[in-house]
Amino acid sequence: MYMKRFFITVFMALMMFIYPCIGLPLTVSAEETGATITFSAAAAHKGETVEIKVVLSGCPSIKSMALVPQYDSDMLEYVHGEWLVGNALMSDWSDTDQNGVILFSSASDLNGEVALLKFRIKESDSWADIPLTCRAVLKNSEQDIDVVVLPSVVGILCDHIWAAETFTQEATCSEEGRTYQCCTVCGREETLTTSPKLPHTPGDWITDVEATINDGGLRHKDCTVCGEKVVEEHTPPLGQCAHVWSEEVYLQKATCSATGYVYRVCLICNAQMTLYETEKTPHSPGEWIADLSENPDVQTWHRECTECGEVIDTFLFTSAENSSTVNAPKSSWVVGIIFGVAGIAVGASLCGLIVFLVKRRRI
């Protein structure tokens, strides 16, 4: 007996503790393998014992199986467990350790009721259903069989004592109304009558997509009570707009390359109506720029507008010997002034010479 218990303990340790530690799952989705563990329905009064059967389905033939029930020990007290499968090489269930192991000499079909669990429902203040599941390890020789465990619950029965007073929950646009009574023992509510939901209270239209002249829009209304969207509709395209022009006027400033204009805007479709145009502004001349030239006796210069980059003035200089002394031309009228001053100087010199000769002759 001691050796048998030692073997079972070692086997459970290997299957339940070492197995998950090496990164292999104890349970997987039933969609992958079809192997599933479920529990029979169970319910009882507090203080009573319930019997729950463990059911295996969709499982291939296996050679060993181990089960460990998992439950809320504050709500349930473990009483007993046993295997419901015969012809096993070894079948053991330890009520002390609350686990069971079963072995077969060859692969066996265990689909159906495989184990029976007994629990006593403890006395407590809670009347909620008690969750129940288990850990399971299934093997076929050295191959592990994946299985999913579907959790269940243990219900707590109550011999309801209904209060004489009834309660009313008024209907809203999101919930039905009802009258109900409560159990003085467990607090469960029992509905006596129901009333339909109230109609929603639509608010103002909310525009989701603005309609344009060519394309339709979208708008909706929300309930002012619960906030649910209760009305939604598409709006047609505006078509040809009956313009409503703004009183305010707007100015598009002129530049040296484009005229400006004063306009109004349609309050419906944002179209523009030009009232009048304004003239272009003067160019803003920049510095003189020497152009590249292959002829050393001919040098051209130009100026560009600092606003738009347009060439607005040019100058041609053809004196090769004096070109090196000219830093930058001013303009063609500067050359005219130079020649004018030179002409005046020559004329004054000739007049002075004539006067001198006349006076000399008189002497």
Protein backbone atom coordinates (compact mmCIF):
# COMPACT_ATOMS: atom_id res chain seq x y z
CA MET A 1 0.00 0.00 0.00
CA TYR A 2 2.81 2.38 0.84
CA MET A 3 4.54 1.71 -2.50
CA LYS A 4 1.28 2.19 -4.38
CA ARG A 5 0.68 5.54 -2.68
CA PHE A 6 4.28 6.59 -3.36
CA PHE A 7 3.94 5.68 -7.06
CA ILE A 8 0.66 7.61 -7.39
CA THR A 9 2.14 10.65 -5.67
CA VAL A 10 5.16 10.67 -7.97
CA PHE A 11 2.97 10.15 -11.02
CA MET A 12 0.67 13.04 -10.07
CA ALA A 13 3.66 15.29 -9.41
CA LEU A 14 5.08 14.56 -12.83
CA MET A 15 1.76 15.00 -14.64
CA MET A 16 0.37 18.00 -12.76
CA PHE A 17 3.42 20.09 -11.88
CA ILE A 18 6.38 19.23 -14.11
CA TYR A 19 4.16 19.02 -17.21
CA PRO A 20 2.99 22.66 -17.19
CA CYS A 21 6.41 23.93 -16.10
CA ILE A 22 8.03 22.85 -19.35
CA GLY A 23 5.72 25.10 -21.29
CA LEU A 24 3.13 22.61 -22.55
CA PRO A 25 -0.52 23.52 -22.01
CA LEU A 26 -2.80 21.39 -19.87
CA THR A 27 -5.84 22.51 -21.86
CA VAL A 28 -6.31 23.90 -25.36
CA SER A 29 -9.19 24.84 -27.55
CA ALA A 30 -11.58 22.00 -28.29
CA GLU A 31 -11.66 23.20 -31.89
CA GLU A 32 -8.10 21.90 -32.31
CA THR A 33 -8.60 18.34 -30.95
CA GLY A 34 -12.27 17.80 -30.13
CA ALA A 35 -11.42 16.42 -26.66
CA THR A 36 -13.66 18.11 -24.08
CA ILE A 37 -14.45 17.74 -20.38
CA THR A 38 -17.83 18.92 -19.07
CA PHE A 39 -19.74 18.56 -15.78
CA SER A 40 -23.30 17.45 -15.12
CA ALA A 41 -25.71 20.05 -13.74
CA ALA A 42 -25.94 20.23 -9.95
CA ALA A 43 -27.92 22.25 -7.39
CA ALA A 44 -28.85 21.77 -3.73
CA HIS A 45 -29.78 23.64 -0.57
CA LYS A 46 -27.09 24.96 1.74
CA GLY A 47 -25.78 22.19 3.93
CA GLU A 48 -26.73 19.48 1.41
CA THR A 49 -24.41 17.30 -0.68
CA VAL A 50 -24.38 17.39 -4.50
CA GLU A 51 -23.08 14.76 -6.89
CA ILE A 52 -21.39 15.94 -10.10
CA LYS A 53 -20.29 13.69 -12.94
CA VAL A 54 -17.23 14.44 -15.06
CA VAL A 55 -17.93 13.71 -18.75
CA LEU A 56 -15.26 13.21 -21.44
CA SER A 57 -16.16 13.55 -25.12
CA GLY A 58 -14.41 13.67 -28.51
CA CYS A 59 -11.27 12.07 -27.11
CA PRO A 60 -9.07 9.51 -28.90
CA SER A 61 -8.05 6.34 -27.09
CA ILE A 62 -5.78 7.00 -24.09
CA LYS A 63 -3.68 4.99 -21.63
CA SER A 64 -3.76 7.30 -18.60
CA MET A 65 -5.71 10.19 -17.13
CA ALA A 66 -5.33 12.46 -14.11
CA LEU A 67 -7.92 14.87 -12.65
CA VAL A 68 -7.69 17.61 -10.01
CA PRO A 69 -10.99 19.40 -9.16
CA GLN A 70 -10.81 23.17 -8.71
CA TYR A 71 -13.54 25.05 -6.81
CA ASP A 72 -14.26 27.81 -4.26
CA SER A 73 -13.41 26.28 -0.91
CA ASP A 74 -15.29 29.06 0.90
CA MET A 75 -18.52 27.89 -0.75
CA LEU A 76 -17.95 24.15 -1.31
CA GLU A 77 -16.54 21.40 0.90
CA TYR A 78 -14.94 18.44 -0.88
CA VAL A 79 -16.48 15.12 0.23
CA HIS A 80 -15.48 12.32 -2.14
CA GLY A 81 -14.28 11.43 -5.63
CA GLU A 82 -14.21 8.18 -7.58
CA TRP A 83 -13.62 6.83 -11.08
CA LEU A 84 -16.58 5.47 -13.04
CA VAL A 85 -14.40 3.54 -15.52
CA GLY A 86 -13.64 -0.19 -15.18
CA ASN A 87 -10.99 -2.59 -16.56
CA ALA A 88 -8.15 -0.32 -15.47
CA LEU A 89 -4.65 -1.52 -14.66
CA MET A 90 -4.68 0.91 -11.75
CA SER A 91 -7.53 3.14 -10.57
CA ASP A 92 -6.99 5.37 -7.58
CA TRP A 93 -8.68 8.46 -6.16
CA SER A 94 -7.24 10.18 -3.11
CA ASP A 95 -9.85 12.06 -1.04
CA THR A 96 -6.98 13.36 1.07
CA ASP A 97 -5.15 14.93 -1.87
CA GLN A 98 -8.41 15.50 -3.78
CA ASN A 99 -7.10 14.06 -7.08
CA GLY A 100 -7.34 10.89 -9.09
CA VAL A 101 -5.17 8.83 -11.47
CA ILE A 102 -6.21 5.95 -13.72
CA LEU A 103 -3.93 3.73 -15.89
CA PHE A 104 -4.67 1.15 -18.61
CA SER A 105 -2.50 -1.61 -20.09
CA SER A 106 -3.47 -0.50 -23.61
CA ALA A 107 -5.12 2.51 -25.23
CA SER A 108 -8.79 2.63 -24.20
CA ASP A 109 -11.85 4.62 -25.22
CA LEU A 110 -12.96 6.66 -22.17
CA ASN A 111 -15.58 8.88 -23.81
CA GLY A 112 -18.56 9.25 -21.49
CA GLU A 113 -18.88 9.60 -17.70
CA VAL A 114 -15.40 9.10 -16.26
CA ALA A 115 -15.56 10.32 -12.63
CA LEU A 116 -17.97 11.26 -9.83
CA LEU A 117 -17.38 14.19 -7.47
CA LYS A 118 -19.29 14.92 -4.26
CA PHE A 119 -19.37 18.34 -2.55
CA ARG A 120 -21.29 19.81 0.36
CA ILE A 121 -22.61 23.35 -0.02
CA LYS A 122 -21.41 25.40 2.93
CA GLU A 123 -23.54 27.83 4.90
CA SER A 124 -22.73 31.39 3.81
CA ASP A 125 -24.32 34.75 3.11
CA SER A 126 -23.91 34.36 -0.64
CA TRP A 127 -26.58 32.92 -2.91
CA ALA A 128 -24.60 33.18 -6.13
CA ASP A 129 -23.81 30.14 -8.27
CA ILE A 130 -20.52 28.46 -7.30
CA PRO A 131 -17.94 27.98 -10.14
CA LEU A 132 -16.42 24.52 -10.66
CA THR A 133 -13.69 23.31 -13.04
CA CYS A 134 -10.68 20.95 -13.00
CA ARG A 135 -7.19 20.37 -14.31
CA ALA A 136 -6.80 17.36 -16.56
CA VAL A 137 -3.87 15.46 -18.10
CA LEU A 138 -4.50 12.77 -20.70
CA LYS A 139 -1.78 10.58 -22.25
CA ASN A 140 -1.57 7.98 -24.99
CA SER A 141 1.73 6.21 -24.27
CA GLU A 142 4.21 9.11 -24.41
CA GLN A 143 1.93 11.40 -26.41
CA ASP A 144 -0.07 14.07 -24.58
CA ILE A 145 -3.71 14.53 -25.55
CA ASP A 146 -4.90 18.14 -25.57
CA VAL A 147 -8.27 18.76 -23.98
CA VAL A 148 -10.39 21.79 -23.10
CA VAL A 149 -12.29 21.94 -19.81
CA LEU A 150 -15.62 23.77 -19.92
CA PRO A 151 -16.28 25.27 -16.46
CA SER A 152 -19.62 24.69 -14.75
CA VAL A 153 -21.46 26.00 -11.68
CA VAL A 154 -23.16 24.51 -8.64
CA GLY A 155 -26.50 26.17 -7.95
CA ILE A 156 -27.80 26.99 -4.46
CA LEU A 157 -31.48 26.16 -3.98
CA CYS A 158 -33.75 28.31 -1.83
CA ASP A 159 -37.28 27.64 -0.58
CA HIS A 160 -38.29 31.16 -1.44
CA ILE A 161 -40.35 33.18 0.99
CA TRP A 162 -41.74 36.04 -1.07
CA ALA A 163 -42.31 39.39 0.56
CA ALA A 164 -45.89 40.68 0.51
CA GLU A 165 -44.67 44.03 -0.85
CA THR A 166 -44.19 44.38 -4.58
CA PHE A 167 -41.91 46.79 -6.38
CA THR A 168 -42.26 48.73 -9.63
CA GLN A 169 -39.55 49.53 -12.13
CA GLU A 170 -40.76 52.20 -14.53
CA ALA A 171 -40.30 51.63 -18.24
CA THR A 172 -37.81 53.78 -20.15
CA CYS A 173 -36.92 54.04 -23.81
CA SER A 174 -34.10 51.52 -23.24
CA GLU A 175 -35.67 49.05 -20.72
CA GLU A 176 -39.07 47.48 -20.19
CA GLY A 177 -40.98 48.32 -17.05
CA ARG A 178 -42.02 45.63 -14.57
CA THR A 179 -43.51 44.84 -11.20
CA TYR A 180 -41.70 42.25 -9.11
CA GLN A 181 -41.36 40.72 -5.65
CA CYS A 182 -38.28 39.69 -3.69
CA CYS A 183 -37.44 36.60 -1.66
CA THR A 184 -36.81 37.49 1.98
CA VAL A 185 -34.25 34.67 2.21
CA CYS A 186 -31.98 34.92 -0.84
CA GLY A 187 -33.08 38.24 -2.32
CA ARG A 188 -34.01 36.72 -5.69
CA GLU A 189 -36.38 38.85 -7.76
CA GLU A 190 -39.44 37.39 -9.47
CA THR A 191 -41.12 39.44 -12.21
CA LEU A 192 -44.91 39.57 -11.95
CA THR A 193 -45.88 41.87 -14.85
CA THR A 194 -44.08 43.78 -17.59
CA SER A 195 -44.79 46.93 -19.58
CA PRO A 196 -43.33 47.88 -22.99
CA LYS A 197 -40.49 50.31 -23.52
CA LEU A 198 -41.30 53.99 -23.94
CA PRO A 199 -40.73 55.66 -27.33
CA HIS A 200 -37.50 57.52 -27.85
CA THR A 201 -37.40 61.32 -27.70
CA PRO A 202 -35.51 62.52 -30.81
CA GLY A 203 -33.39 65.64 -30.46
CA ASP A 204 -32.27 68.11 -33.11
CA TRP A 205 -30.73 67.10 -36.41
CA ILE A 206 -26.99 66.50 -36.28
CA THR A 207 -25.14 66.82 -39.59
CA ASP A 208 -22.65 64.04 -40.27
CA VAL A 209 -21.82 64.91 -43.89
CA GLU A 210 -22.60 68.28 -45.42
CA ALA A 211 -24.51 68.20 -48.71
CA THR A 212 -22.96 69.98 -51.67
CA ILE A 213 -24.35 71.10 -55.01
CA ASN A 214 -23.37 67.76 -56.60
CA ASP A 215 -23.31 65.31 -53.66
CA GLY A 216 -25.87 64.43 -50.99
CA GLY A 217 -25.23 64.62 -47.23
CA LEU A 218 -26.07 62.59 -44.11
CA ARG A 219 -27.70 63.58 -40.82
CA HIS A 220 -29.20 61.91 -37.74
CA LYS A 221 -31.05 62.47 -34.47
CA ASP A 222 -30.13 61.08 -31.03
CA CYS A 223 -32.56 60.29 -28.24
CA THR A 224 -32.36 63.04 -25.62
CA VAL A 225 -32.97 60.47 -22.84
CA CYS A 226 -30.67 57.52 -23.60
CA GLY A 227 -28.43 58.97 -26.33
CA GLU A 228 -29.19 56.19 -28.84
CA LYS A 229 -29.26 57.10 -32.53
CA VAL A 230 -32.94 56.89 -33.44
CA VAL A 231 -33.24 58.56 -36.86
CA GLU A 232 -30.81 58.72 -39.77
CA GLU A 233 -31.39 60.01 -43.27
CA HIS A 234 -29.56 61.03 -46.42
CA THR A 235 -30.07 64.57 -47.66
CA PRO A 236 -30.24 65.32 -51.41
CA PRO A 237 -27.65 67.37 -53.32
CA LEU A 238 -28.24 71.10 -53.19
CA GLY A 239 -28.53 71.38 -57.00
CA GLN A 240 -28.20 74.86 -58.47
CA CYS A 241 -27.79 77.19 -55.53
CA ALA A 242 -30.10 80.18 -55.02
CA HIS A 243 -27.20 82.26 -53.80
CA VAL A 244 -27.54 84.27 -50.62
CA TRP A 245 -24.66 86.74 -50.72
CA SER A 246 -22.96 87.95 -47.58
CA GLU A 247 -23.20 91.58 -46.54
CA GLU A 248 -19.53 91.54 -45.66
CA VAL A 249 -17.05 92.01 -48.50
CA TYR A 250 -13.62 90.40 -48.73
CA LEU A 251 -10.39 91.58 -50.37
CA GLN A 252 -7.97 89.54 -52.42
CA LYS A 253 -4.89 91.79 -52.44
CA ALA A 254 -3.22 92.64 -55.76
CA THR A 255 0.41 91.80 -56.42
CA CYS A 256 2.88 92.84 -59.10
CA SER A 257 1.95 89.70 -61.09
CA ALA A 258 -1.83 89.45 -60.48
CA THR A 259 -4.70 91.85 -60.12
CA GLY A 260 -6.65 91.91 -56.88
CA TYR A 261 -10.40 91.93 -56.43
CA VAL A 262 -13.12 92.66 -53.92
CA TYR A 263 -15.83 89.98 -53.58
CA ARG A 264 -18.79 88.60 -51.59
CA VAL A 265 -19.37 84.96 -50.55
CA CYS A 266 -22.56 82.86 -50.87
CA LEU A 267 -23.70 81.81 -47.41
CA ILE A 268 -25.00 78.47 -48.78
CA CYS A 269 -22.43 77.11 -51.24
CA ASN A 270 -19.42 79.42 -50.59
CA ALA A 271 -19.35 80.63 -54.21
CA GLN A 272 -17.67 84.02 -54.79
CA MET A 273 -19.09 87.07 -56.57
CA THR A 274 -16.44 89.61 -57.73
CA LEU A 275 -17.50 93.24 -57.24
CA TYR A 276 -14.50 94.92 -58.88
CA GLU A 277 -10.81 94.36 -59.60
CA THR A 278 -7.82 96.36 -58.42
CA GLU A 279 -4.70 97.11 -60.49
CA LYS A 280 -1.44 95.28 -60.14
CA THR A 281 1.10 96.83 -57.80
CA PRO A 282 4.43 98.19 -59.20
CA HIS A 283 7.42 95.88 -59.41
CA SER A 284 10.14 96.19 -56.76
CA PRO A 285 13.48 96.45 -58.64
CA GLY A 286 16.43 94.61 -57.19
CA GLU A 287 20.18 95.09 -57.70
CA TRP A 288 21.79 95.12 -61.16
CA ILE A 289 23.04 91.67 -62.15
CA ALA A 290 25.80 91.10 -64.76
CA ASP A 291 24.92 88.47 -67.36
CA LEU A 292 27.42 85.95 -68.62
CA SER A 293 28.90 86.92 -72.00
CA GLU A 294 31.39 85.29 -74.35
CA ASN A 295 32.24 88.68 -75.96
CA PRO A 296 34.51 90.76 -73.67
CA ASP A 297 33.53 93.99 -75.51
CA VAL A 298 29.82 93.49 -74.86
CA GLN A 299 28.38 93.27 -71.34
CA THR A 300 24.69 93.08 -70.50
CA TRP A 301 23.08 93.76 -67.16
CA HIS A 302 19.53 93.24 -65.85
CA ARG A 303 17.36 93.81 -62.81
CA GLU A 304 14.61 91.51 -61.46
CA CYS A 305 11.56 92.21 -59.33
CA THR A 306 12.21 91.14 -55.74
CA GLU A 307 8.56 90.03 -55.39
CA CYS A 308 7.86 87.97 -58.53
CA GLY A 309 11.33 87.50 -60.09
CA GLU A 310 10.35 89.04 -63.46
CA VAL A 311 13.11 90.88 -65.43
CA ILE A 312 12.05 94.53 -65.47
CA ASP A 313 15.10 96.41 -66.81
CA THR A 314 18.20 95.70 -68.98
CA PHE A 315 21.40 97.60 -69.88
CA LEU A 316 23.95 97.01 -72.68
CA PHE A 317 27.56 98.21 -72.22
CA THR A 318 29.81 97.97 -75.31
CA SER A 319 33.06 99.79 -74.31
CA ALA A 320 35.52 97.02 -73.66
CA GLU A 321 38.33 99.24 -72.35
CA ASN A 322 36.14 101.08 -69.83
CA SER A 323 34.05 98.13 -68.78
CA SER A 324 36.50 97.23 -66.06
CA THR A 325 35.95 100.58 -64.35
CA VAL A 326 32.20 100.30 -64.33
CA ASN A 327 30.92 98.62 -61.20
CA ALA A 328 27.22 98.59 -62.14
CA PRO A 329 25.13 100.65 -64.57
CA LYS A 330 22.52 102.90 -63.18
CA SER A 331 20.20 103.31 -66.15
CA SER A 332 20.16 104.71 -69.73
CA TRP A 333 19.24 108.19 -68.52
CA VAL A 334 22.51 108.34 -66.53
CA VAL A 335 24.41 107.98 -69.81
CA GLY A 336 22.32 110.83 -71.30
CA ILE A 337 23.21 113.09 -68.38
CA ILE A 338 26.89 112.31 -68.81
CA PHE A 339 26.81 113.20 -72.51
CA GLY A 340 24.74 116.35 -71.78
CA VAL A 341 27.20 117.61 -69.21
CA ALA A 342 30.10 116.93 -71.61
CA GLY A 343 28.29 118.87 -74.38
CA ILE A 344 27.68 121.85 -72.09
CA ALA A 345 31.32 121.86 -71.05
CA VAL A 346 32.49 121.83 -74.69
CA GLY A 347 30.03 124.60 -75.62
CA ALA A 348 31.14 126.78 -72.70
CA SER A 349 34.77 126.31 -73.73
CA LEU A 350 34.03 127.37 -77.33
CA CYS A 351 32.10 130.46 -76.18
CA GLY A 352 34.96 131.49 -73.90
CA LEU A 353 37.44 131.11 -76.75
CA ILE A 354 35.34 133.24 -79.10
CA VAL A 355 34.97 136.01 -76.51
CA PHE A 356 38.70 135.98 -75.90
CA LEU A 357 39.46 136.28 -79.63
CA VAL A 358 37.00 139.14 -80.08
CA LYS A 359 38.46 141.14 -77.23
CA ARG A 360 42.00 140.55 -78.53
CA ARG A 361 41.06 141.85 -81.97
CA ARG A 362 39.61 145.05 -80.53
CA ILE A 363 42.77 145.72 -78.71
